[in-house]
Amino acid sequence: MKLNEKPGTYAIINKRTGMFLTGTDYRTEPWTQLTYGWQPPCLYAYESKAEDDLIDRRCGPDYEVVEVKLKVKRR
């Protein structure tokens, strides 16, 4: 986390498909990024943490960190 960084809600998105990153398959080399529509996305409280995870997961140039706004749906 960077000094004086304000918390928010961030996610990693595939720029080409517009789908959120939901996980990474580490079983094969190179690692495969998972973007399942039925699974919740990986969310981060700080942009720097999302950027670190983008590097750690070895995401390619098709992926970027975006700020998201959560909408709570009540039953």
PDB file of N, CA and C in Angstrom:
ATOM      1  N   MET A   1       0.841  -1.167   0.000  1.00  0.00           N
ATOM      2  CA  MET A   1       0.000   0.000   0.000  1.00  0.00           C
ATOM      3  C   MET A   1       0.893   1.239   0.000  1.00  0.00           C
ATOM      4  N   LYS A   2       0.532   2.192  -0.831  1.00  0.00           N
ATOM      5  CA  LYS A   2       1.282   3.437  -0.918  1.00  0.00           C
ATOM      6  C   LYS A   2       0.920   4.348   0.255  1.00  0.00           C
ATOM      7  N   LEU A   3       1.852   5.209   0.611  1.00  0.00           N
ATOM      8  CA  LEU A   3       1.635   6.152   1.692  1.00  0.00           C
ATOM      9  C   LEU A   3       0.506   7.106   1.325  1.00  0.00           C
ATOM     10  N   ASN A   4      -0.416   7.318   2.238  1.00  0.00           N
ATOM     11  CA  ASN A   4      -1.562   8.212   2.056  1.00  0.00           C
ATOM     12  C   ASN A   4      -2.518   7.770   0.953  1.00  0.00           C
ATOM     13  N   GLU A   5      -2.519   6.494   0.625  1.00  0.00           N
ATOM     14  CA  GLU A   5      -3.446   5.989  -0.397  1.00  0.00           C
ATOM     15  C   GLU A   5      -4.834   5.846   0.208  1.00  0.00           C
ATOM     16  N   LYS A   6      -5.831   6.365  -0.485  1.00  0.00           N
ATOM     17  CA  LYS A   6      -7.206   6.288   0.011  1.00  0.00           C
ATOM     18  C   LYS A   6      -7.835   4.972  -0.405  1.00  0.00           C
ATOM     19  N   PRO A   7      -8.574   4.325   0.525  1.00  0.00           N
ATOM     20  CA  PRO A   7      -9.217   3.064   0.166  1.00  0.00           C
ATOM     21  C   PRO A   7     -10.370   3.282  -0.801  1.00  0.00           C
ATOM     22  N   GLY A   8     -10.650   2.260  -1.570  1.00  0.00           N
ATOM     23  CA  GLY A   8     -11.754   2.261  -2.515  1.00  0.00           C
ATOM     24  C   GLY A   8     -12.081   0.814  -2.835  1.00  0.00           C
ATOM     25  N   THR A   9     -12.661   0.562  -3.978  1.00  0.00           N
ATOM     26  CA  THR A   9     -12.910  -0.806  -4.433  1.00  0.00           C
ATOM     27  C   THR A   9     -12.359  -0.930  -5.838  1.00  0.00           C
ATOM     28  N   TYR A  10     -11.443  -1.871  -6.015  1.00  0.00           N
ATOM     29  CA  TYR A  10     -10.762  -2.046  -7.293  1.00  0.00           C
ATOM     30  C   TYR A  10     -10.854  -3.497  -7.739  1.00  0.00           C
ATOM     31  N   ALA A  11     -10.784  -3.691  -9.041  1.00  0.00           N
ATOM     32  CA  ALA A  11     -10.817  -5.036  -9.620  1.00  0.00           C
ATOM     33  C   ALA A  11      -9.913  -5.048 -10.840  1.00  0.00           C
ATOM     34  N   ILE A  12      -9.605  -6.246 -11.311  1.00  0.00           N
ATOM     35  CA  ILE A  12      -8.826  -6.422 -12.536  1.00  0.00           C
ATOM     36  C   ILE A  12      -9.793  -6.846 -13.626  1.00  0.00           C
ATOM     37  N   ILE A  13      -9.699  -6.190 -14.768  1.00  0.00           N
ATOM     38  CA  ILE A  13     -10.627  -6.456 -15.866  1.00  0.00           C
ATOM     39  C   ILE A  13      -9.844  -6.779 -17.137  1.00  0.00           C
ATOM     40  N   ASN A  14     -10.431  -7.654 -17.950  1.00  0.00           N
ATOM     41  CA  ASN A  14      -9.867  -7.952 -19.261  1.00  0.00           C
ATOM     42  C   ASN A  14     -10.370  -6.871 -20.218  1.00  0.00           C
ATOM     43  N   LYS A  15      -9.464  -6.061 -20.754  1.00  0.00           N
ATOM     44  CA  LYS A  15      -9.854  -4.944 -21.621  1.00  0.00           C
ATOM     45  C   LYS A  15     -10.521  -5.416 -22.908  1.00  0.00           C
ATOM     46  N   ARG A  16     -10.113  -6.568 -23.393  1.00  0.00           N
ATOM     47  CA  ARG A  16     -10.638  -7.088 -24.662  1.00  0.00           C
ATOM     48  C   ARG A  16     -12.065  -7.609 -24.537  1.00  0.00           C
ATOM     49  N   THR A  17     -12.332  -8.329 -23.441  1.00  0.00           N
ATOM     50  CA  THR A  17     -13.647  -8.953 -23.269  1.00  0.00           C
ATOM     51  C   THR A  17     -14.564  -8.171 -22.336  1.00  0.00           C
ATOM     52  N   GLY A  18     -13.988  -7.310 -21.485  1.00  0.00           N
ATOM     53  CA  GLY A  18     -14.779  -6.576 -20.517  1.00  0.00           C
ATOM     54  C   GLY A  18     -15.176  -7.390 -19.302  1.00  0.00           C
ATOM     55  N   MET A  19     -14.611  -8.585 -19.145  1.00  0.00           N
ATOM     56  CA  MET A  19     -14.955  -9.459 -18.018  1.00  0.00           C
ATOM     57  C   MET A  19     -13.952  -9.275 -16.878  1.00  0.00           C
ATOM     58  N   PHE A  20     -14.453  -9.431 -15.641  1.00  0.00           N
ATOM     59  CA  PHE A  20     -13.618  -9.295 -14.456  1.00  0.00           C
ATOM     60  C   PHE A  20     -12.809 -10.565 -14.212  1.00  0.00           C
ATOM     61  N   LEU A  21     -11.606 -10.391 -13.663  1.00  0.00           N
ATOM     62  CA  LEU A  21     -10.757 -11.510 -13.270  1.00  0.00           C
ATOM     63  C   LEU A  21     -11.358 -12.166 -12.038  1.00  0.00           C
ATOM     64  N   THR A  22     -11.576 -13.467 -12.103  1.00  0.00           N
ATOM     65  CA  THR A  22     -12.145 -14.191 -10.965  1.00  0.00           C
ATOM     66  C   THR A  22     -11.150 -15.134 -10.316  1.00  0.00           C
ATOM     67  N   GLY A  23     -10.004 -15.361 -10.941  1.00  0.00           N
ATOM     68  CA  GLY A  23      -8.997 -16.257 -10.386  1.00  0.00           C
ATOM     69  C   GLY A  23      -7.907 -16.535 -11.392  1.00  0.00           C
ATOM     70  N   THR A  24      -6.949 -17.354 -10.984  1.00  0.00           N
ATOM     71  CA  THR A  24      -5.836 -17.742 -11.842  1.00  0.00           C
ATOM     72  C   THR A  24      -5.614 -19.233 -11.702  1.00  0.00           C
ATOM     73  N   ASP A  25      -5.457 -19.912 -12.826  1.00  0.00           N
ATOM     74  CA  ASP A  25      -5.163 -21.345 -12.835  1.00  0.00           C
ATOM     75  C   ASP A  25      -3.649 -21.510 -12.870  1.00  0.00           C
ATOM     76  N   TYR A  26      -3.080 -21.966 -11.755  1.00  0.00           N
ATOM     77  CA  TYR A  26      -1.630 -22.106 -11.617  1.00  0.00           C
ATOM     78  C   TYR A  26      -1.129 -23.489 -12.028  1.00  0.00           C
ATOM     79  N   ARG A  27      -2.009 -24.353 -12.548  1.00  0.00           N
ATOM     80  CA  ARG A  27      -1.616 -25.734 -12.842  1.00  0.00           C
ATOM     81  C   ARG A  27      -0.718 -25.860 -14.058  1.00  0.00           C
ATOM     82  N   THR A  28      -0.804 -24.917 -14.975  1.00  0.00           N
ATOM     83  CA  THR A  28       0.006 -25.003 -16.196  1.00  0.00           C
ATOM     84  C   THR A  28       0.868 -23.760 -16.336  1.00  0.00           C
ATOM     85  N   GLU A  29       1.855 -23.845 -17.169  1.00  0.00           N
ATOM     86  CA  GLU A  29       2.733 -22.717 -17.457  1.00  0.00           C
ATOM     87  C   GLU A  29       2.549 -22.348 -18.915  1.00  0.00           C
ATOM     88  N   PRO A  30       2.253 -21.142 -19.333  1.00  0.00           N
ATOM     89  CA  PRO A  30       2.006 -19.978 -18.494  1.00  0.00           C
ATOM     90  C   PRO A  30       0.653 -20.071 -17.794  1.00  0.00           C
ATOM     91  N   TRP A  31       0.509 -19.343 -16.689  1.00  0.00           N
ATOM     92  CA  TRP A  31      -0.724 -19.369 -15.919  1.00  0.00           C
ATOM     93  C   TRP A  31      -1.881 -18.820 -16.728  1.00  0.00           C
ATOM     94  N   THR A  32      -3.060 -19.351 -16.476  1.00  0.00           N
ATOM     95  CA  THR A  32      -4.254 -18.939 -17.205  1.00  0.00           C
ATOM     96  C   THR A  32      -5.127 -18.071 -16.307  1.00  0.00           C
ATOM     97  N   GLN A  33      -5.548 -16.945 -16.831  1.00  0.00           N
ATOM     98  CA  GLN A  33      -6.431 -16.050 -16.074  1.00  0.00           C
ATOM     99  C   GLN A  33      -7.875 -16.501 -16.274  1.00  0.00           C
ATOM    100  N   LEU A  34      -8.626 -16.583 -15.189  1.00  0.00           N
ATOM    101  CA  LEU A  34     -10.011 -17.045 -15.235  1.00  0.00           C
ATOM    102  C   LEU A  34     -10.948 -15.851 -15.153  1.00  0.00           C
ATOM    103  N   THR A  35     -11.927 -15.819 -16.051  1.00  0.00           N
ATOM    104  CA  THR A  35     -12.888 -14.719 -16.084  1.00  0.00           C
ATOM    105  C   THR A  35     -14.300 -15.276 -16.188  1.00  0.00           C
ATOM    106  N   TYR A  36     -14.647 -16.146 -15.258  1.00  0.00           N
ATOM    107  CA  TYR A  36     -15.967 -16.759 -15.270  1.00  0.00           C
ATOM    108  C   TYR A  36     -17.033 -15.729 -14.903  1.00  0.00           C
ATOM    109  N   GLY A  37     -18.113 -15.688 -15.666  1.00  0.00           N
ATOM    110  CA  GLY A  37     -19.188 -14.743 -15.396  1.00  0.00           C
ATOM    111  C   GLY A  37     -20.018 -15.098 -14.176  1.00  0.00           C
ATOM    112  N   TRP A  38     -19.999 -16.355 -13.759  1.00  0.00           N
ATOM    113  CA  TRP A  38     -20.825 -16.809 -12.639  1.00  0.00           C
ATOM    114  C   TRP A  38     -20.095 -16.758 -11.312  1.00  0.00           C
ATOM    115  N   GLN A  39     -18.797 -16.430 -11.308  1.00  0.00           N
ATOM    116  CA  GLN A  39     -18.036 -16.332 -10.063  1.00  0.00           C
ATOM    117  C   GLN A  39     -17.817 -14.867  -9.705  1.00  0.00           C
ATOM    118  N   PRO A  40     -17.765 -14.527  -8.416  1.00  0.00           N
ATOM    119  CA  PRO A  40     -17.509 -13.134  -8.039  1.00  0.00           C
ATOM    120  C   PRO A  40     -16.080 -12.721  -8.406  1.00  0.00           C
ATOM    121  N   PRO A  41     -15.880 -11.476  -8.783  1.00  0.00           N
ATOM    122  CA  PRO A  41     -14.540 -11.017  -9.152  1.00  0.00           C
ATOM    123  C   PRO A  41     -13.635 -10.858  -7.935  1.00  0.00           C
ATOM    124  N   CYS A  42     -12.337 -10.857  -8.184  1.00  0.00           N
ATOM    125  CA  CYS A  42     -11.366 -10.555  -7.131  1.00  0.00           C
ATOM    126  C   CYS A  42     -11.420  -9.052  -6.878  1.00  0.00           C
ATOM    127  N   LEU A  43     -11.691  -8.656  -5.652  1.00  0.00           N
ATOM    128  CA  LEU A  43     -11.807  -7.237  -5.302  1.00  0.00           C
ATOM    129  C   LEU A  43     -10.686  -6.845  -4.344  1.00  0.00           C
ATOM    130  N   TYR A  44     -10.283  -5.591  -4.422  1.00  0.00           N
ATOM    131  CA  TYR A  44      -9.171  -5.076  -3.624  1.00  0.00           C
ATOM    132  C   TYR A  44      -9.583  -3.746  -3.006  1.00  0.00           C
ATOM    133  N   ALA A  45      -9.098  -3.474  -1.802  1.00  0.00           N
ATOM    134  CA  ALA A  45      -9.422  -2.224  -1.116  1.00  0.00           C
ATOM    135  C   ALA A  45      -8.505  -1.085  -1.557  1.00  0.00           C
ATOM    136  N   TYR A  46      -7.338  -1.417  -2.085  1.00  0.00           N
ATOM    137  CA  TYR A  46      -6.372  -0.402  -2.501  1.00  0.00           C
ATOM    138  C   TYR A  46      -5.907  -0.684  -3.919  1.00  0.00           C
ATOM    139  N   GLU A  47      -5.749   0.376  -4.693  1.00  0.00           N
ATOM    140  CA  GLU A  47      -5.311   0.247  -6.086  1.00  0.00           C
ATOM    141  C   GLU A  47      -3.926  -0.387  -6.177  1.00  0.00           C
ATOM    142  N   SER A  48      -3.025  -0.030  -5.267  1.00  0.00           N
ATOM    143  CA  SER A  48      -1.669  -0.575  -5.304  1.00  0.00           C
ATOM    144  C   SER A  48      -1.673  -2.089  -5.077  1.00  0.00           C
ATOM    145  N   LYS A  49      -2.575  -2.586  -4.227  1.00  0.00           N
ATOM    146  CA  LYS A  49      -2.676  -4.036  -3.994  1.00  0.00           C
ATOM    147  C   LYS A  49      -3.156  -4.747  -5.260  1.00  0.00           C
ATOM    148  N   ALA A  50      -4.108  -4.132  -5.964  1.00  0.00           N
ATOM    149  CA  ALA A  50      -4.596  -4.714  -7.211  1.00  0.00           C
ATOM    150  C   ALA A  50      -3.495  -4.721  -8.267  1.00  0.00           C
ATOM    151  N   GLU A  51      -2.709  -3.646  -8.330  1.00  0.00           N
ATOM    152  CA  GLU A  51      -1.609  -3.586  -9.286  1.00  0.00           C
ATOM    153  C   GLU A  51      -0.539  -4.626  -8.964  1.00  0.00           C
ATOM    154  N   ASP A  52      -0.255  -4.820  -7.671  1.00  0.00           N
ATOM    155  CA  ASP A  52       0.700  -5.858  -7.259  1.00  0.00           C
ATOM    156  C   ASP A  52       0.192  -7.241  -7.666  1.00  0.00           C
ATOM    157  N   ASP A  53      -1.103  -7.492  -7.458  1.00  0.00           N
ATOM    158  CA  ASP A  53      -1.681  -8.783  -7.805  1.00  0.00           C
ATOM    159  C   ASP A  53      -1.689  -8.995  -9.319  1.00  0.00           C
ATOM    160  N   LEU A  54      -1.879  -7.932 -10.075  1.00  0.00           N
ATOM    161  CA  LEU A  54      -1.824  -7.994 -11.535  1.00  0.00           C
ATOM    162  C   LEU A  54      -0.461  -8.526 -11.985  1.00  0.00           C
ATOM    163  N   ILE A  55       0.590  -8.073 -11.328  1.00  0.00           N
ATOM    164  CA  ILE A  55       1.952  -8.525 -11.637  1.00  0.00           C
ATOM    165  C   ILE A  55       2.182  -9.940 -11.121  1.00  0.00           C
ATOM    166  N   ASP A  56       1.756 -10.212  -9.873  1.00  0.00           N
ATOM    167  CA  ASP A  56       1.968 -11.533  -9.271  1.00  0.00           C
ATOM    168  C   ASP A  56       1.265 -12.645 -10.056  1.00  0.00           C
ATOM    169  N   ARG A  57       0.099 -12.345 -10.615  1.00  0.00           N
ATOM    170  CA  ARG A  57      -0.652 -13.333 -11.390  1.00  0.00           C
ATOM    171  C   ARG A  57      -0.153 -13.450 -12.835  1.00  0.00           C
ATOM    172  N   ARG A  58       0.810 -12.601 -13.184  1.00  0.00           N
ATOM    173  CA  ARG A  58       1.386 -12.574 -14.539  1.00  0.00           C
ATOM    174  C   ARG A  58       0.321 -12.316 -15.602  1.00  0.00           C
ATOM    175  N   CYS A  59      -0.551 -11.365 -15.316  1.00  0.00           N
ATOM    176  CA  CYS A  59      -1.571 -10.987 -16.290  1.00  0.00           C
ATOM    177  C   CYS A  59      -0.888 -10.279 -17.456  1.00  0.00           C
ATOM    178  N   GLY A  60      -1.387 -10.514 -18.648  1.00  0.00           N
ATOM    179  CA  GLY A  60      -0.812  -9.911 -19.841  1.00  0.00           C
ATOM    180  C   GLY A  60      -1.293  -8.489 -20.059  1.00  0.00           C
ATOM    181  N   PRO A  61      -0.958  -7.918 -21.207  1.00  0.00           N
ATOM    182  CA  PRO A  61      -1.339  -6.533 -21.509  1.00  0.00           C
ATOM    183  C   PRO A  61      -2.836  -6.335 -21.713  1.00  0.00           C
ATOM    184  N   ASP A  62      -3.602  -7.416 -21.818  1.00  0.00           N
ATOM    185  CA  ASP A  62      -5.050  -7.316 -21.982  1.00  0.00           C
ATOM    186  C   ASP A  62      -5.761  -6.996 -20.667  1.00  0.00           C
ATOM    187  N   TYR A  63      -5.040  -6.973 -19.560  1.00  0.00           N
ATOM    188  CA  TYR A  63      -5.650  -6.768 -18.242  1.00  0.00           C
ATOM    189  C   TYR A  63      -5.238  -5.428 -17.657  1.00  0.00           C
ATOM    190  N   GLU A  64      -6.174  -4.800 -16.927  1.00  0.00           N
ATOM    191  CA  GLU A  64      -5.879  -3.542 -16.251  1.00  0.00           C
ATOM    192  C   GLU A  64      -6.679  -3.456 -14.953  1.00  0.00           C
ATOM    193  N   VAL A  65      -6.219  -2.594 -14.053  1.00  0.00           N
ATOM    194  CA  VAL A  65      -6.897  -2.354 -12.784  1.00  0.00           C
ATOM    195  C   VAL A  65      -7.897  -1.219 -12.999  1.00  0.00           C
ATOM    196  N   VAL A  66      -9.122  -1.432 -12.533  1.00  0.00           N
ATOM    197  CA  VAL A  66     -10.161  -0.409 -12.641  1.00  0.00           C
ATOM    198  C   VAL A  66     -10.824  -0.213 -11.282  1.00  0.00           C
ATOM    199  N   GLU A  67     -11.317   0.986 -11.052  1.00  0.00           N
ATOM    200  CA  GLU A  67     -12.092   1.247  -9.842  1.00  0.00           C
ATOM    201  C   GLU A  67     -13.540   0.878 -10.129  1.00  0.00           C
ATOM    202  N   VAL A  68     -14.167   0.188  -9.194  1.00  0.00           N
ATOM    203  CA  VAL A  68     -15.551  -0.254  -9.385  1.00  0.00           C
ATOM    204  C   VAL A  68     -16.428   0.318  -8.283  1.00  0.00           C
ATOM    205  N   LYS A  69     -17.686   0.452  -8.571  1.00  0.00           N
ATOM    206  CA  LYS A  69     -18.670   0.901  -7.595  1.00  0.00           C
ATOM    207  C   LYS A  69     -19.608  -0.257  -7.319  1.00  0.00           C
ATOM    208  N   LEU A  70     -19.727  -0.625  -6.065  1.00  0.00           N
ATOM    209  CA  LEU A  70     -20.582  -1.743  -5.688  1.00  0.00           C
ATOM    210  C   LEU A  70     -22.001  -1.262  -5.462  1.00  0.00           C
ATOM    211  N   LYS A  71     -22.943  -2.058  -5.928  1.00  0.00           N
ATOM    212  CA  LYS A  71     -24.340  -1.771  -5.716  1.00  0.00           C
ATOM    213  C   LYS A  71     -24.907  -2.907  -4.862  1.00  0.00           C
ATOM    214  N   VAL A  72     -25.441  -2.555  -3.695  1.00  0.00           N
ATOM    215  CA  VAL A  72     -25.989  -3.557  -2.783  1.00  0.00           C
ATOM    216  C   VAL A  72     -27.436  -3.789  -3.146  1.00  0.00           C
ATOM    217  N   LYS A  73     -27.775  -5.050  -3.366  1.00  0.00           N
ATOM    218  CA  LYS A  73     -29.133  -5.420  -3.719  1.00  0.00           C
ATOM    219  C   LYS A  73     -29.779  -6.062  -2.497  1.00  0.00           C
ATOM    220  N   ARG A  74     -30.854  -5.483  -2.047  1.00  0.00           N
ATOM    221  CA  ARG A  74     -31.545  -6.033  -0.874  1.00  0.00           C
ATOM    222  C   ARG A  74     -32.718  -6.880  -1.336  1.00  0.00           C
ATOM    223  N   ARG A  75     -32.992  -7.922  -0.559  1.00  0.00           N
ATOM    224  CA  ARG A  75     -34.091  -8.828  -0.910  1.00  0.00           C
ATOM    225  C   ARG A  75     -35.416  -8.298  -0.477  1.00  0.00           C
TER     226      ARG A  75
END
